[in-house]
N, C-alpha and C. Protein backbone atom coordinates (compact mmCIF):
# COMPACT_ATOMS: atom_id res chain seq x y z
N MET A 1 104.51 28.98 74.87
CA MET A 1 105.79 29.39 75.41
C MET A 1 106.33 30.62 74.67
N ASN A 2 106.20 30.63 73.32
CA ASN A 2 106.66 31.76 72.54
C ASN A 2 105.86 33.02 72.86
N LYS A 3 104.56 32.86 73.15
CA LYS A 3 103.74 34.02 73.51
C LYS A 3 104.22 34.62 74.82
N LEU A 4 104.58 33.77 75.79
CA LEU A 4 105.06 34.23 77.08
C LEU A 4 106.38 34.99 76.92
N LYS A 5 107.29 34.45 76.12
CA LYS A 5 108.57 35.11 75.86
C LYS A 5 108.34 36.46 75.16
N GLY A 6 107.39 36.52 74.25
CA GLY A 6 107.06 37.75 73.54
C GLY A 6 106.52 38.82 74.48
N LYS A 7 105.67 38.40 75.44
CA LYS A 7 105.12 39.35 76.41
C LYS A 7 106.21 39.86 77.35
N ILE A 8 107.09 38.96 77.78
CA ILE A 8 108.20 39.37 78.66
C ILE A 8 109.11 40.34 77.92
N PHE A 9 109.41 40.03 76.66
CA PHE A 9 110.28 40.90 75.86
C PHE A 9 109.63 42.28 75.67
N LEU A 10 108.33 42.30 75.40
CA LEU A 10 107.60 43.55 75.23
C LEU A 10 107.61 44.38 76.52
N CYS A 11 107.41 43.74 77.67
CA CYS A 11 107.46 44.43 78.97
C CYS A 11 108.85 45.00 79.22
N PHE A 12 109.87 44.24 78.85
CA PHE A 12 111.25 44.68 79.02
C PHE A 12 111.53 45.93 78.18
N ILE A 13 111.09 45.91 76.93
CA ILE A 13 111.28 47.06 76.03
C ILE A 13 110.53 48.28 76.55
N LEU A 14 109.30 48.10 77.01
CA LEU A 14 108.52 49.23 77.55
C LEU A 14 109.17 49.81 78.79
N THR A 15 109.73 48.98 79.65
CA THR A 15 110.41 49.45 80.84
C THR A 15 111.64 50.29 80.47
N ILE A 16 112.41 49.82 79.51
CA ILE A 16 113.60 50.55 79.08
C ILE A 16 113.20 51.90 78.47
N LEU A 17 112.19 51.92 77.65
CA LEU A 17 111.72 53.17 77.04
C LEU A 17 111.23 54.16 78.10
N THR A 18 110.51 53.66 79.10
CA THR A 18 110.01 54.52 80.18
C THR A 18 111.17 55.15 80.94
N VAL A 19 112.18 54.37 81.27
CA VAL A 19 113.36 54.88 81.99
C VAL A 19 114.09 55.90 81.13
N ALA A 20 114.26 55.62 79.86
CA ALA A 20 114.96 56.53 78.95
C ALA A 20 114.23 57.86 78.82
N LEU A 21 112.93 57.83 78.67
CA LEU A 21 112.16 59.06 78.54
C LEU A 21 112.14 59.87 79.83
N THR A 22 112.11 59.21 80.96
CA THR A 22 112.15 59.90 82.25
C THR A 22 113.49 60.60 82.43
N ALA A 23 114.57 59.99 82.01
CA ALA A 23 115.90 60.58 82.14
C ALA A 23 116.03 61.83 81.28
N CYS A 24 115.32 61.91 80.19
CA CYS A 24 115.40 63.06 79.28
C CYS A 24 114.68 64.29 79.82
N THR A 25 113.84 64.16 80.82
CA THR A 25 113.06 65.29 81.31
C THR A 25 113.66 65.89 82.58
N SER A 26 114.92 65.66 82.85
CA SER A 26 115.53 66.22 84.05
C SER A 26 115.67 67.73 83.92
N SER A 27 115.81 68.41 85.04
CA SER A 27 115.93 69.87 85.01
C SER A 27 117.31 70.27 84.50
N PRO A 28 117.42 71.46 83.92
CA PRO A 28 118.69 71.90 83.35
C PRO A 28 119.74 72.15 84.43
N ASN A 29 120.98 72.07 84.03
CA ASN A 29 122.09 72.32 84.93
C ASN A 29 122.56 73.76 84.71
N PHE A 30 122.15 74.68 85.57
CA PHE A 30 122.49 76.09 85.42
C PHE A 30 123.92 76.35 85.91
N GLU A 31 124.61 77.26 85.20
CA GLU A 31 125.97 77.63 85.57
C GLU A 31 125.94 78.79 86.56
N LEU A 32 126.73 78.68 87.62
CA LEU A 32 126.87 79.78 88.57
C LEU A 32 127.93 80.76 88.07
N TYR A 33 127.84 81.98 88.54
CA TYR A 33 128.88 82.96 88.28
C TYR A 33 130.06 82.62 89.17
N GLU A 34 131.23 82.49 88.59
CA GLU A 34 132.42 82.12 89.36
C GLU A 34 133.52 83.17 89.23
N GLY A 35 133.15 84.38 88.85
CA GLY A 35 134.14 85.43 88.62
C GLY A 35 134.54 86.16 89.88
N HIS A 36 135.02 87.38 89.68
CA HIS A 36 135.52 88.23 90.76
C HIS A 36 134.40 88.61 91.73
N SER A 37 134.80 89.09 92.90
CA SER A 37 133.84 89.61 93.87
C SER A 37 133.16 90.85 93.28
N LEU A 38 131.87 90.94 93.52
CA LEU A 38 131.10 92.09 93.02
C LEU A 38 130.38 92.77 94.18
N ARG A 39 130.33 94.09 94.10
CA ARG A 39 129.54 94.89 95.05
C ARG A 39 128.43 95.54 94.25
N ILE A 40 127.20 95.25 94.65
CA ILE A 40 126.05 95.75 93.89
C ILE A 40 125.12 96.51 94.82
N ALA A 41 124.78 97.73 94.39
CA ALA A 41 123.79 98.53 95.12
C ALA A 41 122.41 98.09 94.65
N VAL A 42 121.46 98.03 95.59
CA VAL A 42 120.11 97.59 95.26
C VAL A 42 119.10 98.59 95.79
N VAL A 43 118.23 99.07 94.91
CA VAL A 43 117.11 99.87 95.34
C VAL A 43 115.96 98.87 95.51
N GLY A 44 115.62 98.63 96.74
CA GLY A 44 114.65 97.58 97.06
C GLY A 44 115.34 96.52 97.90
N GLU A 45 114.69 95.39 97.99
CA GLU A 45 115.21 94.29 98.80
C GLU A 45 116.28 93.52 98.03
N SER A 46 117.36 93.16 98.71
CA SER A 46 118.43 92.38 98.08
C SER A 46 117.89 91.04 97.61
N PRO A 47 118.27 90.63 96.41
CA PRO A 47 117.78 89.35 95.89
C PRO A 47 118.51 88.17 96.54
N GLU A 48 117.86 87.02 96.50
CA GLU A 48 118.51 85.80 96.96
C GLU A 48 119.23 85.19 95.77
N VAL A 49 120.54 84.95 95.95
CA VAL A 49 121.35 84.36 94.89
C VAL A 49 122.20 83.24 95.49
N LYS A 50 122.78 82.44 94.63
CA LYS A 50 123.62 81.33 95.09
C LYS A 50 125.07 81.73 95.27
N GLU A 51 125.50 82.77 94.59
CA GLU A 51 126.89 83.20 94.61
C GLU A 51 127.26 83.87 95.93
N GLU A 52 128.35 83.43 96.52
CA GLU A 52 128.80 84.01 97.79
C GLU A 52 129.73 85.20 97.58
N GLN A 53 130.30 85.35 96.38
CA GLN A 53 131.24 86.44 96.14
C GLN A 53 130.53 87.72 95.68
N VAL A 54 129.20 87.71 95.72
CA VAL A 54 128.43 88.90 95.35
C VAL A 54 127.80 89.47 96.62
N ARG A 55 128.11 90.76 96.87
CA ARG A 55 127.58 91.42 98.06
C ARG A 55 126.64 92.55 97.64
N PHE A 56 125.51 92.61 98.32
CA PHE A 56 124.51 93.63 98.02
C PHE A 56 124.43 94.64 99.14
N THR A 57 124.20 95.89 98.77
CA THR A 57 123.96 96.96 99.73
C THR A 57 122.68 97.66 99.30
N GLU A 58 121.71 97.69 100.20
CA GLU A 58 120.45 98.35 99.87
C GLU A 58 120.63 99.86 100.00
N ILE A 59 120.20 100.58 98.96
CA ILE A 59 120.30 102.04 98.93
C ILE A 59 118.94 102.62 98.59
N SER A 60 118.82 103.94 98.76
CA SER A 60 117.59 104.64 98.38
C SER A 60 117.85 105.42 97.10
N PHE A 61 116.81 105.96 96.52
CA PHE A 61 116.97 106.78 95.32
C PHE A 61 117.81 108.02 95.63
N ASP A 62 117.72 108.54 96.86
CA ASP A 62 118.50 109.71 97.23
C ASP A 62 120.00 109.44 97.21
N GLU A 63 120.38 108.18 97.33
CA GLU A 63 121.80 107.83 97.35
C GLU A 63 122.35 107.53 95.96
N MET A 64 121.55 107.72 94.94
CA MET A 64 122.00 107.43 93.58
C MET A 64 122.70 108.63 92.96
N THR A 65 123.79 109.04 93.54
CA THR A 65 124.62 110.08 92.96
C THR A 65 125.92 109.43 92.48
N SER A 66 126.59 110.06 91.55
CA SER A 66 127.81 109.46 91.00
C SER A 66 128.85 109.23 92.10
N GLU A 67 128.89 110.12 93.08
CA GLU A 67 129.85 109.96 94.19
C GLU A 67 129.50 108.75 95.04
N GLU A 68 128.23 108.59 95.35
CA GLU A 68 127.78 107.46 96.18
C GLU A 68 127.98 106.12 95.47
N LEU A 69 127.80 106.11 94.16
CA LEU A 69 127.83 104.85 93.41
C LEU A 69 129.23 104.41 92.98
N LYS A 70 130.24 105.26 93.22
CA LYS A 70 131.61 104.95 92.80
C LYS A 70 132.13 103.61 93.30
N SER A 71 131.72 103.20 94.47
CA SER A 71 132.27 101.98 95.07
C SER A 71 131.53 100.71 94.66
N TYR A 72 130.57 100.82 93.76
CA TYR A 72 129.78 99.66 93.33
C TYR A 72 130.10 99.27 91.89
N ASP A 73 129.82 98.02 91.58
CA ASP A 73 130.02 97.51 90.22
C ASP A 73 128.77 97.65 89.37
N ALA A 74 127.61 97.77 90.01
CA ALA A 74 126.34 97.89 89.30
C ALA A 74 125.25 98.30 90.28
N VAL A 75 124.10 98.65 89.74
CA VAL A 75 122.92 98.97 90.55
C VAL A 75 121.76 98.13 90.03
N PHE A 76 121.05 97.48 90.94
CA PHE A 76 119.82 96.76 90.61
C PHE A 76 118.66 97.58 91.15
N ILE A 77 117.63 97.74 90.35
CA ILE A 77 116.39 98.36 90.81
C ILE A 77 115.32 97.29 90.73
N ARG A 78 114.79 96.94 91.89
CA ARG A 78 113.87 95.80 91.97
C ARG A 78 112.44 96.20 91.60
N GLU A 79 111.60 95.18 91.40
CA GLU A 79 110.25 95.32 90.88
C GLU A 79 109.40 96.37 91.58
N ASP A 80 109.44 96.40 92.89
CA ASP A 80 108.57 97.31 93.66
C ASP A 80 108.95 98.77 93.50
N ASN A 81 110.09 99.05 92.89
CA ASN A 81 110.58 100.42 92.77
C ASN A 81 110.64 100.93 91.34
N LEU A 82 110.11 100.18 90.40
CA LEU A 82 110.22 100.55 88.99
C LEU A 82 109.44 101.81 88.64
N SER A 83 108.28 102.01 89.25
CA SER A 83 107.50 103.22 88.95
C SER A 83 108.27 104.47 89.35
N GLU A 84 108.84 104.46 90.54
CA GLU A 84 109.63 105.62 90.97
C GLU A 84 110.89 105.75 90.14
N ALA A 85 111.49 104.63 89.76
CA ALA A 85 112.72 104.65 88.96
C ALA A 85 112.50 105.30 87.61
N ALA A 86 111.27 105.30 87.10
CA ALA A 86 110.97 105.88 85.80
C ALA A 86 110.70 107.37 85.86
N GLU A 87 110.74 107.96 87.05
CA GLU A 87 110.52 109.41 87.15
C GLU A 87 111.62 110.14 86.41
N SER A 88 111.26 111.25 85.78
CA SER A 88 112.16 111.94 84.85
C SER A 88 113.49 112.37 85.46
N GLN A 89 113.53 112.69 86.75
CA GLN A 89 114.78 113.17 87.33
C GLN A 89 115.88 112.11 87.39
N TYR A 90 115.52 110.82 87.22
CA TYR A 90 116.53 109.76 87.31
C TYR A 90 117.11 109.36 85.96
N ALA A 91 116.50 109.79 84.86
CA ALA A 91 116.99 109.40 83.53
C ALA A 91 118.45 109.82 83.34
N ASP A 92 118.79 111.02 83.76
CA ASP A 92 120.18 111.48 83.62
C ASP A 92 121.13 110.66 84.48
N VAL A 93 120.68 110.20 85.63
CA VAL A 93 121.52 109.36 86.49
C VAL A 93 121.91 108.09 85.75
N TYR A 94 120.93 107.43 85.12
CA TYR A 94 121.20 106.19 84.40
C TYR A 94 122.09 106.43 83.19
N LEU A 95 121.81 107.52 82.47
CA LEU A 95 122.53 107.79 81.23
C LEU A 95 123.94 108.35 81.44
N ASN A 96 124.22 108.89 82.60
CA ASN A 96 125.54 109.47 82.86
C ASN A 96 126.39 108.61 83.81
N SER A 97 125.89 107.48 84.16
CA SER A 97 126.59 106.62 85.11
C SER A 97 127.74 105.87 84.44
N THR A 98 128.76 105.59 85.21
CA THR A 98 129.88 104.80 84.72
C THR A 98 129.73 103.33 85.08
N ILE A 99 128.62 102.99 85.75
CA ILE A 99 128.32 101.58 86.06
C ILE A 99 126.93 101.27 85.52
N PRO A 100 126.68 100.00 85.22
CA PRO A 100 125.37 99.64 84.65
C PRO A 100 124.25 99.64 85.68
N PHE A 101 123.06 99.93 85.18
CA PHE A 101 121.82 99.82 85.96
C PHE A 101 121.01 98.67 85.38
N PHE A 102 120.47 97.83 86.26
CA PHE A 102 119.64 96.71 85.84
C PHE A 102 118.26 96.87 86.48
N PHE A 103 117.23 96.81 85.63
CA PHE A 103 115.86 96.97 86.07
C PHE A 103 115.24 95.57 86.10
N ILE A 104 114.94 95.09 87.30
CA ILE A 104 114.49 93.72 87.50
C ILE A 104 112.96 93.66 87.49
N GLY A 105 112.40 92.80 86.66
CA GLY A 105 110.96 92.62 86.60
C GLY A 105 110.32 93.40 85.47
N THR A 106 111.11 93.84 84.50
CA THR A 106 110.55 94.56 83.36
C THR A 106 111.28 94.14 82.10
N ASP A 107 110.59 94.22 80.98
CA ASP A 107 111.21 93.86 79.71
C ASP A 107 111.57 95.08 78.87
N ASN A 108 111.54 96.28 79.48
CA ASN A 108 111.73 97.49 78.71
C ASN A 108 112.52 98.52 79.51
N PHE A 109 113.63 98.99 78.96
CA PHE A 109 114.44 100.00 79.63
C PHE A 109 114.03 101.42 79.24
N VAL A 110 113.25 101.59 78.19
CA VAL A 110 112.95 102.91 77.63
C VAL A 110 112.30 103.86 78.64
N PRO A 111 111.33 103.42 79.47
CA PRO A 111 110.74 104.38 80.41
C PRO A 111 111.75 104.95 81.42
N PHE A 112 112.89 104.30 81.56
CA PHE A 112 113.88 104.76 82.53
C PHE A 112 114.90 105.70 81.91
N THR A 113 115.07 105.63 80.60
CA THR A 113 116.08 106.46 79.94
C THR A 113 115.48 107.63 79.17
N GLU A 114 114.16 107.66 79.02
CA GLU A 114 113.48 108.76 78.35
C GLU A 114 112.66 109.52 79.39
N LYS A 115 112.89 110.81 79.50
CA LYS A 115 112.26 111.61 80.56
C LYS A 115 110.75 111.73 80.46
N ASP A 116 110.21 111.67 79.27
CA ASP A 116 108.78 111.94 79.09
C ASP A 116 107.90 110.69 79.08
N LEU A 117 108.49 109.53 79.33
CA LEU A 117 107.70 108.30 79.33
C LEU A 117 107.47 107.81 80.74
N GLU A 118 106.28 107.27 80.96
CA GLU A 118 105.96 106.70 82.26
C GLU A 118 106.09 105.19 82.20
N TYR A 119 106.40 104.62 83.35
CA TYR A 119 106.47 103.16 83.45
C TYR A 119 105.06 102.62 83.62
N ASP A 120 104.70 101.67 82.79
CA ASP A 120 103.38 101.05 82.87
C ASP A 120 103.52 99.73 83.61
N LYS A 121 103.15 99.73 84.88
CA LYS A 121 103.34 98.51 85.68
C LYS A 121 102.34 97.42 85.34
N THR A 122 101.41 97.70 84.44
CA THR A 122 100.48 96.65 84.03
C THR A 122 101.04 95.80 82.90
N SER A 123 102.16 96.26 82.30
CA SER A 123 102.70 95.47 81.19
C SER A 123 103.30 94.18 81.74
N ASN A 124 103.06 93.11 81.04
CA ASN A 124 103.61 91.82 81.44
C ASN A 124 104.92 91.59 80.73
N TRP A 125 105.89 91.03 81.44
CA TRP A 125 107.16 90.73 80.80
C TRP A 125 106.98 89.51 79.90
N THR A 126 107.53 89.65 78.73
CA THR A 126 107.53 88.53 77.79
C THR A 126 108.90 88.51 77.13
N GLY A 127 109.52 87.40 77.15
CA GLY A 127 110.84 87.29 76.53
C GLY A 127 111.95 87.65 77.48
N SER A 128 111.88 88.83 78.07
CA SER A 128 112.92 89.19 79.03
C SER A 128 112.27 89.57 80.35
N TYR A 129 113.01 89.34 81.42
CA TYR A 129 112.52 89.62 82.77
C TYR A 129 113.32 90.72 83.43
N ALA A 130 114.46 91.06 82.85
CA ALA A 130 115.29 92.15 83.38
C ALA A 130 116.00 92.81 82.20
N THR A 131 116.25 94.11 82.34
CA THR A 131 117.01 94.83 81.33
C THR A 131 118.11 95.62 82.01
N GLY A 132 119.18 95.83 81.30
CA GLY A 132 120.29 96.61 81.83
C GLY A 132 120.70 97.66 80.83
N VAL A 133 121.24 98.78 81.34
CA VAL A 133 121.72 99.85 80.47
C VAL A 133 123.02 100.42 81.01
N LEU A 134 123.85 100.88 80.07
CA LEU A 134 125.08 101.59 80.41
C LEU A 134 125.47 102.40 79.18
N LYS A 135 125.69 103.68 79.38
CA LYS A 135 126.13 104.52 78.27
C LYS A 135 127.63 104.33 78.09
N SER A 136 128.02 103.99 76.89
CA SER A 136 129.43 103.74 76.58
C SER A 136 130.23 105.04 76.72
N GLN A 137 131.35 104.97 77.39
CA GLN A 137 132.22 106.13 77.56
C GLN A 137 132.99 106.43 76.27
N GLU A 138 133.21 105.40 75.43
CA GLU A 138 134.00 105.57 74.21
C GLU A 138 133.21 106.27 73.10
N ASP A 139 132.00 105.77 72.81
CA ASP A 139 131.28 106.29 71.66
C ASP A 139 129.90 106.86 72.00
N ASP A 140 129.62 107.02 73.27
CA ASP A 140 128.38 107.67 73.72
C ASP A 140 127.12 106.91 73.32
N ARG A 141 127.27 105.63 72.95
CA ARG A 141 126.11 104.81 72.59
C ARG A 141 125.58 104.12 73.84
N LEU A 142 124.31 103.83 73.81
CA LEU A 142 123.67 103.15 74.93
C LEU A 142 123.78 101.64 74.76
N LYS A 143 124.51 101.01 75.67
CA LYS A 143 124.57 99.55 75.68
C LYS A 143 123.36 99.07 76.46
N LYS A 144 122.76 97.98 75.98
CA LYS A 144 121.59 97.46 76.68
C LYS A 144 121.61 95.94 76.64
N TRP A 145 121.07 95.35 77.69
CA TRP A 145 121.03 93.89 77.83
C TRP A 145 119.62 93.49 78.23
N GLU A 146 119.21 92.33 77.78
CA GLU A 146 117.92 91.76 78.19
C GLU A 146 118.18 90.35 78.71
N TYR A 147 117.50 89.99 79.77
CA TYR A 147 117.65 88.68 80.39
C TYR A 147 116.29 88.05 80.59
N GLY A 148 116.11 86.89 79.99
CA GLY A 148 114.87 86.16 80.15
C GLY A 148 115.00 85.08 81.22
N LEU A 149 113.89 84.45 81.51
CA LEU A 149 113.86 83.33 82.45
C LEU A 149 113.76 82.04 81.66
N TYR A 150 114.37 81.01 82.16
CA TYR A 150 114.35 79.71 81.50
C TYR A 150 112.90 79.28 81.25
N ASN A 151 112.58 78.97 80.00
CA ASN A 151 111.23 78.56 79.56
C ASN A 151 110.16 79.59 79.93
N ASP A 152 110.55 80.85 80.15
CA ASP A 152 109.62 81.91 80.56
C ASP A 152 108.83 81.55 81.81
N GLU A 153 109.45 80.75 82.68
CA GLU A 153 108.80 80.34 83.93
C GLU A 153 109.42 81.09 85.10
N LYS A 154 108.59 81.78 85.86
CA LYS A 154 109.06 82.57 86.99
C LYS A 154 109.12 81.68 88.23
N THR A 155 110.27 81.03 88.40
CA THR A 155 110.52 80.22 89.59
C THR A 155 111.76 80.78 90.29
N ASP A 156 111.94 80.47 91.55
CA ASP A 156 113.11 80.94 92.28
C ASP A 156 114.40 80.50 91.60
N GLU A 157 114.42 79.26 91.15
CA GLU A 157 115.62 78.71 90.50
C GLU A 157 115.93 79.45 89.20
N HIS A 158 114.92 79.76 88.41
CA HIS A 158 115.12 80.46 87.14
C HIS A 158 115.55 81.91 87.37
N ILE A 159 115.01 82.53 88.40
CA ILE A 159 115.40 83.91 88.71
C ILE A 159 116.86 83.94 89.19
N LYS A 160 117.26 83.00 90.01
CA LYS A 160 118.66 82.93 90.47
C LYS A 160 119.60 82.71 89.30
N GLU A 161 119.20 81.90 88.34
CA GLU A 161 120.02 81.65 87.16
C GLU A 161 120.16 82.92 86.33
N MET A 162 119.09 83.71 86.25
CA MET A 162 119.14 84.97 85.52
C MET A 162 120.14 85.92 86.18
N TYR A 163 120.12 85.98 87.51
CA TYR A 163 121.09 86.82 88.22
C TYR A 163 122.52 86.37 87.92
N SER A 164 122.75 85.07 87.84
CA SER A 164 124.09 84.57 87.52
C SER A 164 124.56 85.11 86.17
N ARG A 165 123.66 85.17 85.19
CA ARG A 165 124.02 85.71 83.87
C ARG A 165 124.29 87.21 83.96
N ILE A 166 123.53 87.92 84.77
CA ILE A 166 123.78 89.36 84.94
C ILE A 166 125.15 89.58 85.58
N PHE A 167 125.50 88.77 86.57
CA PHE A 167 126.81 88.90 87.21
C PHE A 167 127.93 88.70 86.20
N LYS A 168 127.76 87.76 85.28
CA LYS A 168 128.77 87.51 84.24
C LYS A 168 128.92 88.74 83.35
N THR A 169 127.81 89.39 83.01
CA THR A 169 127.88 90.61 82.20
C THR A 169 128.64 91.70 82.93
N ILE A 170 128.33 91.88 84.20
CA ILE A 170 129.02 92.91 85.00
C ILE A 170 130.51 92.63 85.04
N ASP A 171 130.88 91.38 85.25
CA ASP A 171 132.29 90.99 85.31
C ASP A 171 132.98 91.26 83.98
N GLU A 172 132.33 90.97 82.86
CA GLU A 172 132.91 91.21 81.54
C GLU A 172 133.16 92.69 81.29
N LEU A 173 132.34 93.56 81.88
CA LEU A 173 132.53 95.00 81.70
C LEU A 173 133.81 95.49 82.36
N HIS A 174 134.30 94.77 83.36
CA HIS A 174 135.52 95.16 84.07
C HIS A 174 136.78 94.71 83.34
N LYS A 175 136.63 93.85 82.36
CA LYS A 175 137.81 93.32 81.66
C LYS A 175 138.27 94.22 80.57
């Protein structure tokens, strides 16, 4: 009888441990951007995001003039356009802009801000999946941001969460 009670008790303990360990492996709870409405120009295809207060307008490189960009809060340059974005004629656009530029799908902003460097599309992103730049109007220093993906895993959910963090940065720049 004691052996039977011991086996039942052992099964009960194992069941509780299994449930407890399963509960610990749930997916993270990502925070959405809940700030002001944002208007973002995108070179490339508009990204899919969860936020409804963020509006995207697809533009071309020819439309990246200070006059054209005045009505936007930021510019995103998507993965398929990074090679062209690194061409030397655009470095001054990024460095003289009053709004931030975010390069999606790269861990390095340098090829975009230095005229003599080429973008190497064979480089793999590690640590960060997007970078942003904005030249400070006060002290002429280059502000830069890096955004990684949760657990360095490229999933739709992790990319959307990264965009939420970028939106928070853009909103903080307006304050």
